Amino acid sequence: MSMTSNPVPDRHLPQNASIYKDLAYVANGHERQTLDLYLPASLPPTGKLPLIIWIHGGAFRMGSKDDTTFDLVPLEYLTQGYAIASINYRLSQHAKFPAQIEDCKAAVRWLRAHADHYRLDATRFAAWGPSAGGYLSAMLGTAGWVSQFEVGAYLDQSSDVQCVVDHFGPSDFLQMDAQRLPDGMIHDDANSPESELIGGAIQDHPDAVKRANPITYVTPQAPPFLVVHGDADPLVPYGQSVVLVNALQHAKVAVTFYTVKGGGHGRFTDPLVSHLTREFLAKHLYQPLNQAGINQVA
């Protein structure tokens, strides 16, 4: 679907919200290089919408921008004054790292280039995702300045995001097995998600792993982070968020870290997770618009 296509109805959307399906952010690209753009029923007084960029999880092997089973697109934010872009990216069976972050950056640049068309505020973009999507969100936050990951069109546009919500994403692949639970996933295996992502067993490719780790790129210029992780996660060890948060704090980056006590790999029932996420986005994405006379998100 081209950028000029009309929005289509969707029975799962809040009333009068709309969706533009399968927008190609790479012209004539891979079938996975598409996004869905959700717009709320009305515009704020400024006429421009803050944007949440939702990046699905799935161990780099699976998942979809329109997943309705596990990684649910947070459509409730459409009723709170946000637009949402849910993006697909090439999986590890399609292309190895850095294809995935190249795709995410290309999607951000495309969204900025077409911000006026869709009434988006190009200065208010957030990245949010769980697991592999949390990892890619963190990469957008820490590696926004890394030019070698900028590939394709709209290179005059920035791929920076103004804040990051990282839900239990990996951050330092070579530490994962040392941090895992006794019955947790083995990540040093050549068939692990991380090994398949870089194209070989992670222990045999330390330079490639370093290039793929979000903590490699942490600088004081990184945007604010909200990191959420369950301390009983059997797939992505809780320590992965600890090392990322430590690196961000060392660089004096604004970071909020919330531990879900007894929490596994997502599907959290702790009400503070949604509360903290809502407040974080209100503060770092929506609240600056209040200066233009908009009511703060409740």
C-alpha atoms as a PDB file:
ATOM      1  CA  MET A   1       0.000   0.000   0.000  1.00  0.00           C
ATOM      2  CA  SER A   2       1.336   3.423  -0.860  1.00  0.00           C
ATOM      3  CA  MET A   3       1.494   6.329   1.517  1.00  0.00           C
ATOM      4  CA  THR A   4      -1.488   7.948  -0.217  1.00  0.00           C
ATOM      5  CA  SER A   5      -3.816   5.009   0.445  1.00  0.00           C
ATOM      6  CA  ASN A   6      -6.925   5.655   2.464  1.00  0.00           C
ATOM      7  CA  PRO A   7      -7.197   4.327   5.998  1.00  0.00           C
ATOM      8  CA  VAL A   8      -9.144   1.093   6.377  1.00  0.00           C
ATOM      9  CA  PRO A   9     -11.519   0.155   9.202  1.00  0.00           C
ATOM     10  CA  ASP A  10     -10.448  -2.396  11.783  1.00  0.00           C
ATOM     11  CA  ARG A  11     -12.892  -3.914  14.263  1.00  0.00           C
ATOM     12  CA  HIS A  12     -10.224  -4.036  16.981  1.00  0.00           C
ATOM     13  CA  LEU A  13      -9.574  -0.307  16.896  1.00  0.00           C
ATOM     14  CA  PRO A  14     -11.049   2.239  19.288  1.00  0.00           C
ATOM     15  CA  GLN A  15     -14.043   4.029  17.871  1.00  0.00           C
ATOM     16  CA  ASN A  16     -13.243   6.285  14.885  1.00  0.00           C
ATOM     17  CA  ALA A  17      -9.546   5.416  14.925  1.00  0.00           C
ATOM     18  CA  SER A  18      -8.022   4.307  11.638  1.00  0.00           C
ATOM     19  CA  ILE A  19      -5.187   2.213  10.271  1.00  0.00           C
ATOM     20  CA  TYR A  20      -3.027   2.411   7.167  1.00  0.00           C
ATOM     21  CA  LYS A  21      -1.968  -1.183   6.481  1.00  0.00           C
ATOM     22  CA  ASP A  22       1.255  -2.516   4.966  1.00  0.00           C
ATOM     23  CA  LEU A  23       2.993   0.740   4.199  1.00  0.00           C
ATOM     24  CA  ALA A  24       6.345  -0.046   2.553  1.00  0.00           C
ATOM     25  CA  TYR A  25       9.144   1.846   4.265  1.00  0.00           C
ATOM     26  CA  VAL A  26      11.641   0.464   1.712  1.00  0.00           C
ATOM     27  CA  ALA A  27      10.611   0.919  -1.908  1.00  0.00           C
ATOM     28  CA  ASN A  28      10.530  -2.419  -3.752  1.00  0.00           C
ATOM     29  CA  GLY A  29      12.039  -4.034  -0.677  1.00  0.00           C
ATOM     30  CA  HIS A  30      11.554  -7.290   1.200  1.00  0.00           C
ATOM     31  CA  GLU A  31       7.987  -8.234   2.111  1.00  0.00           C
ATOM     32  CA  ARG A  32       8.870  -7.746   5.777  1.00  0.00           C
ATOM     33  CA  GLN A  33       9.899  -4.107   5.265  1.00  0.00           C
ATOM     34  CA  THR A  34       6.436  -2.744   5.939  1.00  0.00           C
ATOM     35  CA  LEU A  35       4.584  -1.061   8.780  1.00  0.00           C
ATOM     36  CA  ASP A  36       1.036  -0.410   9.923  1.00  0.00           C
ATOM     37  CA  LEU A  37       0.203   3.118  11.018  1.00  0.00           C
ATOM     38  CA  TYR A  38      -2.625   3.654  13.500  1.00  0.00           C
ATOM     39  CA  LEU A  39      -4.103   7.111  13.964  1.00  0.00           C
ATOM     40  CA  PRO A  40      -6.477   8.207  16.731  1.00  0.00           C
ATOM     41  CA  ALA A  41      -9.893   9.649  16.085  1.00  0.00           C
ATOM     42  CA  SER A  42      -8.855  13.271  16.546  1.00  0.00           C
ATOM     43  CA  LEU A  43      -5.778  15.462  16.386  1.00  0.00           C
ATOM     44  CA  PRO A  44      -4.381  17.493  19.276  1.00  0.00           C
ATOM     45  CA  PRO A  45      -4.659  21.298  19.101  1.00  0.00           C
ATOM     46  CA  THR A  46      -1.161  21.469  17.592  1.00  0.00           C
ATOM     47  CA  GLY A  47      -2.386  19.365  14.688  1.00  0.00           C
ATOM     48  CA  LYS A  48       0.480  16.871  15.137  1.00  0.00           C
ATOM     49  CA  LEU A  49       0.575  13.532  16.931  1.00  0.00           C
ATOM     50  CA  PRO A  50       3.310  12.055  19.127  1.00  0.00           C
ATOM     51  CA  LEU A  51       4.216   8.616  17.777  1.00  0.00           C
ATOM     52  CA  ILE A  52       4.852   5.280  19.486  1.00  0.00           C
ATOM     53  CA  ILE A  53       6.907   2.955  17.275  1.00  0.00           C
ATOM     54  CA  TRP A  54       5.979  -0.581  18.320  1.00  0.00           C
ATOM     55  CA  ILE A  55       8.546  -3.313  17.525  1.00  0.00           C
ATOM     56  CA  HIS A  56       7.342  -6.891  17.978  1.00  0.00           C
ATOM     57  CA  GLY A  57       9.320  -9.670  19.629  1.00  0.00           C
ATOM     58  CA  GLY A  58       9.787 -13.282  18.612  1.00  0.00           C
ATOM     59  CA  ALA A  59      13.435 -14.296  19.164  1.00  0.00           C
ATOM     60  CA  PHE A  60      14.377 -12.654  15.848  1.00  0.00           C
ATOM     61  CA  ARG A  61      12.764 -15.702  14.171  1.00  0.00           C
ATOM     62  CA  MET A  62       9.054 -14.998  14.262  1.00  0.00           C
ATOM     63  CA  GLY A  63       6.407 -12.455  15.145  1.00  0.00           C
ATOM     64  CA  SER A  64       4.493  -9.855  13.208  1.00  0.00           C
ATOM     65  CA  LYS A  65       3.509  -6.212  13.297  1.00  0.00           C
ATOM     66  CA  ASP A  66      -0.146  -7.259  13.566  1.00  0.00           C
ATOM     67  CA  ASP A  67       0.349 -10.042  16.129  1.00  0.00           C
ATOM     68  CA  THR A  68      -2.828 -10.583  18.144  1.00  0.00           C
ATOM     69  CA  THR A  69      -1.639 -13.478  20.331  1.00  0.00           C
ATOM     70  CA  PHE A  70       1.456 -12.495  22.339  1.00  0.00           C
ATOM     71  CA  ASP A  71       2.973  -9.136  21.466  1.00  0.00           C
ATOM     72  CA  LEU A  72      -0.184  -7.100  21.373  1.00  0.00           C
ATOM     73  CA  VAL A  73       0.054  -3.714  19.676  1.00  0.00           C
ATOM     74  CA  PRO A  74      -0.856  -1.272  22.484  1.00  0.00           C
ATOM     75  CA  LEU A  75      -3.923   0.147  20.751  1.00  0.00           C
ATOM     76  CA  GLU A  76      -5.224   1.608  24.023  1.00  0.00           C
ATOM     77  CA  TYR A  77      -2.783   4.490  23.514  1.00  0.00           C
ATOM     78  CA  LEU A  78      -4.855   5.638  20.537  1.00  0.00           C
ATOM     79  CA  THR A  79      -7.436   6.868  23.057  1.00  0.00           C
ATOM     80  CA  GLN A  80      -4.722   8.837  24.890  1.00  0.00           C
ATOM     81  CA  GLY A  81      -3.609  11.047  22.020  1.00  0.00           C
ATOM     82  CA  TYR A  82      -0.838   8.978  20.432  1.00  0.00           C
ATOM     83  CA  ALA A  83      -0.335   7.567  16.961  1.00  0.00           C
ATOM     84  CA  ILE A  84       1.202   4.087  16.725  1.00  0.00           C
ATOM     85  CA  ALA A  85       3.424   2.622  14.014  1.00  0.00           C
ATOM     86  CA  SER A  86       3.799  -1.162  14.278  1.00  0.00           C
ATOM     87  CA  ILE A  87       6.728  -2.302  12.173  1.00  0.00           C
ATOM     88  CA  ASN A  88       7.928  -5.534  10.645  1.00  0.00           C
ATOM     89  CA  TYR A  89      11.607  -6.187  10.027  1.00  0.00           C
ATOM     90  CA  ARG A  90      13.587  -8.966   8.374  1.00  0.00           C
ATOM     91  CA  LEU A  91      13.965 -11.996  10.628  1.00  0.00           C
ATOM     92  CA  SER A  92      17.177 -13.971  11.131  1.00  0.00           C
ATOM     93  CA  GLN A  93      16.190 -16.528   8.494  1.00  0.00           C
ATOM     94  CA  HIS A  94      15.879 -13.690   5.964  1.00  0.00           C
ATOM     95  CA  ALA A  95      19.036 -11.747   6.796  1.00  0.00           C
ATOM     96  CA  LYS A  96      21.649 -11.619   9.535  1.00  0.00           C
ATOM     97  CA  PHE A  97      22.520  -8.697  11.786  1.00  0.00           C
ATOM     98  CA  PRO A  98      22.653  -5.728  11.193  1.00  0.00           C
ATOM     99  CA  ALA A  99      19.669  -6.089   8.829  1.00  0.00           C
ATOM    100  CA  GLN A 100      17.198  -5.849  11.710  1.00  0.00           C
ATOM    101  CA  ILE A 101      18.432  -2.519  13.098  1.00  0.00           C
ATOM    102  CA  GLU A 102      18.939  -1.233   9.549  1.00  0.00           C
ATOM    103  CA  ASP A 103      15.250  -1.947   8.939  1.00  0.00           C
ATOM    104  CA  CYS A 104      14.135  -0.258  12.155  1.00  0.00           C
ATOM    105  CA  LYS A 105      16.192   2.816  11.348  1.00  0.00           C
ATOM    106  CA  ALA A 106      14.817   2.868   7.803  1.00  0.00           C
ATOM    107  CA  ALA A 107      11.278   2.738   9.200  1.00  0.00           C
ATOM    108  CA  VAL A 108      11.981   5.665  11.557  1.00  0.00           C
ATOM    109  CA  ARG A 109      13.447   7.730   8.706  1.00  0.00           C
ATOM    110  CA  TRP A 110      10.452   6.905   6.492  1.00  0.00           C
ATOM    111  CA  LEU A 111       8.052   7.965   9.224  1.00  0.00           C
ATOM    112  CA  ARG A 112       9.884  11.268   9.662  1.00  0.00           C
ATOM    113  CA  ALA A 113       9.943  11.879   5.922  1.00  0.00           C
ATOM    114  CA  HIS A 114       6.159  11.372   5.792  1.00  0.00           C
ATOM    115  CA  ALA A 115       5.300  12.934   9.139  1.00  0.00           C
ATOM    116  CA  ASP A 116       3.471  15.894   7.630  1.00  0.00           C
ATOM    117  CA  HIS A 117       1.334  13.626   5.440  1.00  0.00           C
ATOM    118  CA  TYR A 118       0.078  11.704   8.473  1.00  0.00           C
ATOM    119  CA  ARG A 119       0.084  14.642  10.931  1.00  0.00           C
ATOM    120  CA  LEU A 120       2.869  13.136  13.037  1.00  0.00           C
ATOM    121  CA  ASP A 121       5.141  15.227  15.234  1.00  0.00           C
ATOM    122  CA  ALA A 122       8.588  14.333  13.901  1.00  0.00           C
ATOM    123  CA  THR A 123      10.179  15.605  17.127  1.00  0.00           C
ATOM    124  CA  ARG A 124       8.185  13.165  19.322  1.00  0.00           C
ATOM    125  CA  PHE A 125       9.011   9.541  18.442  1.00  0.00           C
ATOM    126  CA  ALA A 126       9.253   6.720  21.010  1.00  0.00           C
ATOM    127  CA  ALA A 127      10.483   3.147  20.457  1.00  0.00           C
ATOM    128  CA  TRP A 128       8.802   0.393  22.477  1.00  0.00           C
ATOM    129  CA  GLY A 129       8.998  -3.362  22.262  1.00  0.00           C
ATOM    130  CA  PRO A 130       9.201  -6.662  24.163  1.00  0.00           C
ATOM    131  CA  SER A 131      12.044  -9.210  24.021  1.00  0.00           C
ATOM    132  CA  ALA A 132      13.626  -8.969  20.536  1.00  0.00           C
ATOM    133  CA  GLY A 133      11.538  -5.829  20.096  1.00  0.00           C
ATOM    134  CA  GLY A 134      12.925  -4.480  23.356  1.00  0.00           C
ATOM    135  CA  TYR A 135      16.412  -5.185  22.053  1.00  0.00           C
ATOM    136  CA  LEU A 136      15.729  -3.316  18.799  1.00  0.00           C
ATOM    137  CA  SER A 137      14.127  -0.444  20.708  1.00  0.00           C
ATOM    138  CA  ALA A 138      17.233  -0.241  22.877  1.00  0.00           C
ATOM    139  CA  MET A 139      19.404  -0.291  19.751  1.00  0.00           C
ATOM    140  CA  LEU A 140      17.442   2.635  18.331  1.00  0.00           C
ATOM    141  CA  GLY A 141      18.085   4.459  21.586  1.00  0.00           C
ATOM    142  CA  THR A 142      21.772   3.717  22.038  1.00  0.00           C
ATOM    143  CA  ALA A 143      22.875   3.432  18.396  1.00  0.00           C
ATOM    144  CA  GLY A 144      20.904   6.333  16.982  1.00  0.00           C
ATOM    145  CA  TRP A 145      24.209   8.014  16.146  1.00  0.00           C
ATOM    146  CA  VAL A 146      25.778   4.970  14.408  1.00  0.00           C
ATOM    147  CA  SER A 147      25.924   5.896  10.737  1.00  0.00           C
ATOM    148  CA  GLN A 148      26.918   2.447   9.429  1.00  0.00           C
ATOM    149  CA  PHE A 149      23.444   1.192  10.338  1.00  0.00           C
ATOM    150  CA  GLU A 150      21.826   3.856   8.127  1.00  0.00           C
ATOM    151  CA  VAL A 151      21.063   2.128   4.826  1.00  0.00           C
ATOM    152  CA  GLY A 152      18.621   3.021   2.071  1.00  0.00           C
ATOM    153  CA  ALA A 153      16.485   6.071   1.372  1.00  0.00           C
ATOM    154  CA  TYR A 154      15.678   9.260   3.321  1.00  0.00           C
ATOM    155  CA  LEU A 155      19.195   9.506   4.695  1.00  0.00           C
ATOM    156  CA  ASP A 156      18.581  13.202   5.243  1.00  0.00           C
ATOM    157  CA  GLN A 157      16.143  12.202   8.007  1.00  0.00           C
ATOM    158  CA  SER A 158      17.180  11.280  11.547  1.00  0.00           C
ATOM    159  CA  SER A 159      16.538   7.789  12.938  1.00  0.00           C
ATOM    160  CA  ASP A 160      16.738   9.091  16.508  1.00  0.00           C
ATOM    161  CA  VAL A 161      13.964   8.421  18.991  1.00  0.00           C
ATOM    162  CA  GLN A 162      13.153  10.679  21.930  1.00  0.00           C
ATOM    163  CA  CYS A 163      12.585   7.889  24.463  1.00  0.00           C
ATOM    164  CA  VAL A 164      12.739   4.099  24.716  1.00  0.00           C
ATOM    165  CA  VAL A 165      10.567   1.515  26.463  1.00  0.00           C
ATOM    166  CA  ASP A 166      12.540  -1.732  26.651  1.00  0.00           C
ATOM    167  CA  HIS A 167      10.579  -4.698  27.990  1.00  0.00           C
ATOM    168  CA  PHE A 168      12.984  -7.579  28.800  1.00  0.00           C
ATOM    169  CA  GLY A 169      15.236  -7.254  25.763  1.00  0.00           C
ATOM    170  CA  PRO A 170      18.739  -8.773  25.601  1.00  0.00           C
ATOM    171  CA  SER A 171      21.627  -6.322  25.767  1.00  0.00           C
ATOM    172  CA  ASP A 172      24.907  -8.266  26.061  1.00  0.00           C
ATOM    173  CA  PHE A 173      24.711 -11.668  24.374  1.00  0.00           C
ATOM    174  CA  LEU A 174      27.947 -13.124  25.780  1.00  0.00           C
ATOM    175  CA  GLN A 175      26.754 -12.680  29.373  1.00  0.00           C
ATOM    176  CA  MET A 176      23.408 -14.405  28.882  1.00  0.00           C
ATOM    177  CA  ASP A 177      24.383 -17.954  29.859  1.00  0.00           C
ATOM    178  CA  ALA A 178      26.230 -16.780  32.955  1.00  0.00           C
ATOM    179  CA  GLN A 179      23.029 -14.997  34.005  1.00  0.00           C
ATOM    180  CA  ARG A 180      20.440 -17.603  33.011  1.00  0.00           C
ATOM    181  CA  LEU A 181      18.256 -19.554  35.416  1.00  0.00           C
ATOM    182  CA  PRO A 182      19.198 -23.226  35.963  1.00  0.00           C
ATOM    183  CA  ASP A 183      16.399 -24.341  33.621  1.00  0.00           C
ATOM    184  CA  GLY A 184      16.647 -21.339  31.309  1.00  0.00           C
ATOM    185  CA  MET A 185      17.432 -21.171  27.619  1.00  0.00           C
ATOM    186  CA  ILE A 186      21.041 -21.861  26.596  1.00  0.00           C
ATOM    187  CA  HIS A 187      22.266 -18.946  24.496  1.00  0.00           C
ATOM    188  CA  ASP A 188      25.801 -20.095  23.671  1.00  0.00           C
ATOM    189  CA  ASP A 189      24.319 -22.871  21.536  1.00  0.00           C
ATOM    190  CA  ALA A 190      24.866 -22.429  17.787  1.00  0.00           C
ATOM    191  CA  ASN A 191      21.096 -22.684  17.288  1.00  0.00           C
ATOM    192  CA  SER A 192      20.159 -20.043  19.862  1.00  0.00           C
ATOM    193  CA  PRO A 193      18.253 -16.950  18.697  1.00  0.00           C
ATOM    194  CA  GLU A 194      21.313 -14.767  19.251  1.00  0.00           C
ATOM    195  CA  SER A 195      23.646 -17.119  17.359  1.00  0.00           C
ATOM    196  CA  GLU A 196      21.223 -17.332  14.460  1.00  0.00           C
ATOM    197  CA  LEU A 197      20.965 -13.544  14.458  1.00  0.00           C
ATOM    198  CA  ILE A 198      24.695 -12.993  13.953  1.00  0.00           C
ATOM    199  CA  GLY A 199      25.236 -16.079  11.762  1.00  0.00           C
ATOM    200  CA  GLY A 200      27.302 -18.289  14.077  1.00  0.00           C
ATOM    201  CA  ALA A 201      27.757 -19.426  17.661  1.00  0.00           C
ATOM    202  CA  ILE A 202      28.089 -16.260  19.728  1.00  0.00           C
ATOM    203  CA  GLN A 203      31.128 -17.511  21.681  1.00  0.00           C
ATOM    204  CA  ASP A 204      32.973 -18.007  18.386  1.00  0.00           C
ATOM    205  CA  HIS A 205      32.192 -14.507  17.095  1.00  0.00           C
ATOM    206  CA  PRO A 206      32.921 -12.005  19.895  1.00  0.00           C
ATOM    207  CA  ASP A 207      33.518  -9.084  17.526  1.00  0.00           C
ATOM    208  CA  ALA A 208      30.185  -9.642  15.774  1.00  0.00           C
ATOM    209  CA  VAL A 209      28.470  -9.951  19.140  1.00  0.00           C
ATOM    210  CA  LYS A 210      30.001  -6.724  20.390  1.00  0.00           C
ATOM    211  CA  ARG A 211      28.717  -4.978  17.265  1.00  0.00           C
ATOM    212  CA  ALA A 212      25.230  -6.340  17.943  1.00  0.00           C
ATOM    213  CA  ASN A 213      25.057  -5.458  21.660  1.00  0.00           C
ATOM    214  CA  PRO A 214      23.077  -2.329  22.617  1.00  0.00           C
ATOM    215  CA  ILE A 215      25.424  -1.638  25.547  1.00  0.00           C
ATOM    216  CA  THR A 216      28.288  -1.183  23.061  1.00  0.00           C
ATOM    217  CA  TYR A 217      26.792   2.112  21.908  1.00  0.00           C
ATOM    218  CA  VAL A 218      25.695   3.738  25.167  1.00  0.00           C
ATOM    219  CA  THR A 219      26.681   7.399  25.378  1.00  0.00           C
ATOM    220  CA  PRO A 220      25.416  10.327  27.471  1.00  0.00           C
ATOM    221  CA  GLN A 221      23.427  11.399  24.392  1.00  0.00           C
ATOM    222  CA  ALA A 222      21.064   8.421  24.633  1.00  0.00           C
ATOM    223  CA  PRO A 223      17.395   9.330  25.231  1.00  0.00           C
ATOM    224  CA  PRO A 224      15.513   8.466  28.436  1.00  0.00           C
ATOM    225  CA  PHE A 225      14.854   4.742  28.971  1.00  0.00           C
ATOM    226  CA  LEU A 226      12.202   2.757  30.793  1.00  0.00           C
ATOM    227  CA  VAL A 227      13.391  -0.827  31.322  1.00  0.00           C
ATOM    228  CA  VAL A 228      11.024  -3.519  32.632  1.00  0.00           C
ATOM    229  CA  HIS A 229      12.051  -7.128  33.313  1.00  0.00           C
ATOM    230  CA  GLY A 230      10.776 -10.086  35.307  1.00  0.00           C
ATOM    231  CA  ASP A 231      13.327 -11.564  37.695  1.00  0.00           C
ATOM    232  CA  ALA A 232      12.199 -15.118  36.827  1.00  0.00           C
ATOM    233  CA  ASP A 233      12.515 -14.769  33.042  1.00  0.00           C
ATOM    234  CA  PRO A 234      13.600 -18.177  31.626  1.00  0.00           C
ATOM    235  CA  LEU A 235      14.357 -16.884  28.126  1.00  0.00           C
ATOM    236  CA  VAL A 236      16.078 -13.504  28.447  1.00  0.00           C
ATOM    237  CA  PRO A 237      17.904 -13.417  31.794  1.00  0.00           C
ATOM    238  CA  TYR A 238      16.978 -10.627  34.160  1.00  0.00           C
ATOM    239  CA  GLY A 239      20.653  -9.691  34.344  1.00  0.00           C
ATOM    240  CA  GLN A 240      20.489  -8.478  30.753  1.00  0.00           C
ATOM    241  CA  SER A 241      18.455  -5.491  31.875  1.00  0.00           C
ATOM    242  CA  VAL A 242      20.671  -4.981  34.917  1.00  0.00           C
ATOM    243  CA  VAL A 243      23.813  -4.571  32.777  1.00  0.00           C
ATOM    244  CA  LEU A 244      22.022  -2.226  30.371  1.00  0.00           C
ATOM    245  CA  VAL A 245      20.674  -0.078  33.184  1.00  0.00           C
ATOM    246  CA  ASN A 246      24.111   0.033  34.801  1.00  0.00           C
ATOM    247  CA  ALA A 247      25.665   1.189  31.529  1.00  0.00           C
ATOM    248  CA  LEU A 248      23.000   3.860  31.055  1.00  0.00           C
ATOM    249  CA  GLN A 249      23.380   5.094  34.624  1.00  0.00           C
ATOM    250  CA  HIS A 250      27.167   5.200  34.272  1.00  0.00           C
ATOM    251  CA  ALA A 251      26.675   7.427  31.212  1.00  0.00           C
ATOM    252  CA  LYS A 252      24.227   9.555  33.241  1.00  0.00           C
ATOM    253  CA  VAL A 253      21.314   8.737  30.930  1.00  0.00           C
ATOM    254  CA  ALA A 254      17.861   9.151  32.493  1.00  0.00           C
ATOM    255  CA  VAL A 255      16.642   5.608  33.128  1.00  0.00           C
ATOM    256  CA  THR A 256      13.781   4.074  35.095  1.00  0.00           C
ATOM    257  CA  PHE A 257      14.166   0.375  35.935  1.00  0.00           C
ATOM    258  CA  TYR A 258      11.268  -1.725  37.190  1.00  0.00           C
ATOM    259  CA  THR A 259      11.619  -5.332  38.333  1.00  0.00           C
ATOM    260  CA  VAL A 260       8.539  -7.535  38.103  1.00  0.00           C
ATOM    261  CA  LYS A 261       8.948  -9.808  41.127  1.00  0.00           C
ATOM    262  CA  GLY A 262       8.439 -13.418  40.044  1.00  0.00           C
ATOM    263  CA  GLY A 263       7.740 -12.247  36.503  1.00  0.00           C
ATOM    264  CA  GLY A 264       8.559 -14.491  33.573  1.00  0.00           C
ATOM    265  CA  HIS A 265       8.966 -13.603  29.924  1.00  0.00           C
ATOM    266  CA  GLY A 266       6.241 -11.009  29.604  1.00  0.00           C
ATOM    267  CA  ARG A 267       2.489 -11.406  30.073  1.00  0.00           C
ATOM    268  CA  PHE A 268       2.849  -9.385  33.276  1.00  0.00           C
ATOM    269  CA  THR A 269      -0.170  -8.942  35.518  1.00  0.00           C
ATOM    270  CA  ASP A 270       1.570  -6.392  37.763  1.00  0.00           C
ATOM    271  CA  PRO A 271      -0.497  -3.184  37.291  1.00  0.00           C
ATOM    272  CA  LEU A 272       2.575  -1.024  37.900  1.00  0.00           C
ATOM    273  CA  VAL A 273       3.994  -2.079  34.519  1.00  0.00           C
ATOM    274  CA  SER A 274       1.232  -0.366  32.569  1.00  0.00           C
ATOM    275  CA  HIS A 275       1.153   2.542  35.018  1.00  0.00           C
ATOM    276  CA  LEU A 276       4.889   3.216  34.737  1.00  0.00           C
ATOM    277  CA  THR A 277       4.813   2.874  30.953  1.00  0.00           C
ATOM    278  CA  ARG A 278       1.911   5.293  30.672  1.00  0.00           C
ATOM    279  CA  GLU A 279       3.577   7.821  32.967  1.00  0.00           C
ATOM    280  CA  PHE A 280       6.943   7.498  31.239  1.00  0.00           C
ATOM    281  CA  LEU A 281       5.442   8.161  27.811  1.00  0.00           C
ATOM    282  CA  ALA A 282       3.369  11.010  29.196  1.00  0.00           C
ATOM    283  CA  LYS A 283       6.484  12.656  30.616  1.00  0.00           C
ATOM    284  CA  HIS A 284       8.920  12.130  27.768  1.00  0.00           C
ATOM    285  CA  LEU A 285       6.675  11.995  24.695  1.00  0.00           C
ATOM    286  CA  TYR A 286       3.322  13.614  25.364  1.00  0.00           C
ATOM    287  CA  GLN A 287       3.876  16.068  28.202  1.00  0.00           C
ATOM    288  CA  PRO A 288       6.090  18.512  26.235  1.00  0.00           C
ATOM    289  CA  LEU A 289       3.071  19.107  24.022  1.00  0.00           C
ATOM    290  CA  ASN A 290       1.203  20.436  27.055  1.00  0.00           C
ATOM    291  CA  GLN A 291       3.092  23.649  26.571  1.00  0.00           C
ATOM    292  CA  ALA A 292       0.865  24.113  23.541  1.00  0.00           C
ATOM    293  CA  GLY A 293      -2.228  23.809  25.695  1.00  0.00           C
ATOM    294  CA  ILE A 294      -2.960  20.086  25.585  1.00  0.00           C
ATOM    295  CA  ASN A 295      -4.196  18.239  28.643  1.00  0.00           C
ATOM    296  CA  GLN A 296      -1.706  15.758  30.053  1.00  0.00           C
ATOM    297  CA  VAL A 297      -2.483  12.076  29.620  1.00  0.00           C
ATOM    298  CA  ALA A 298      -4.198  10.726  32.704  1.00  0.00           C
END
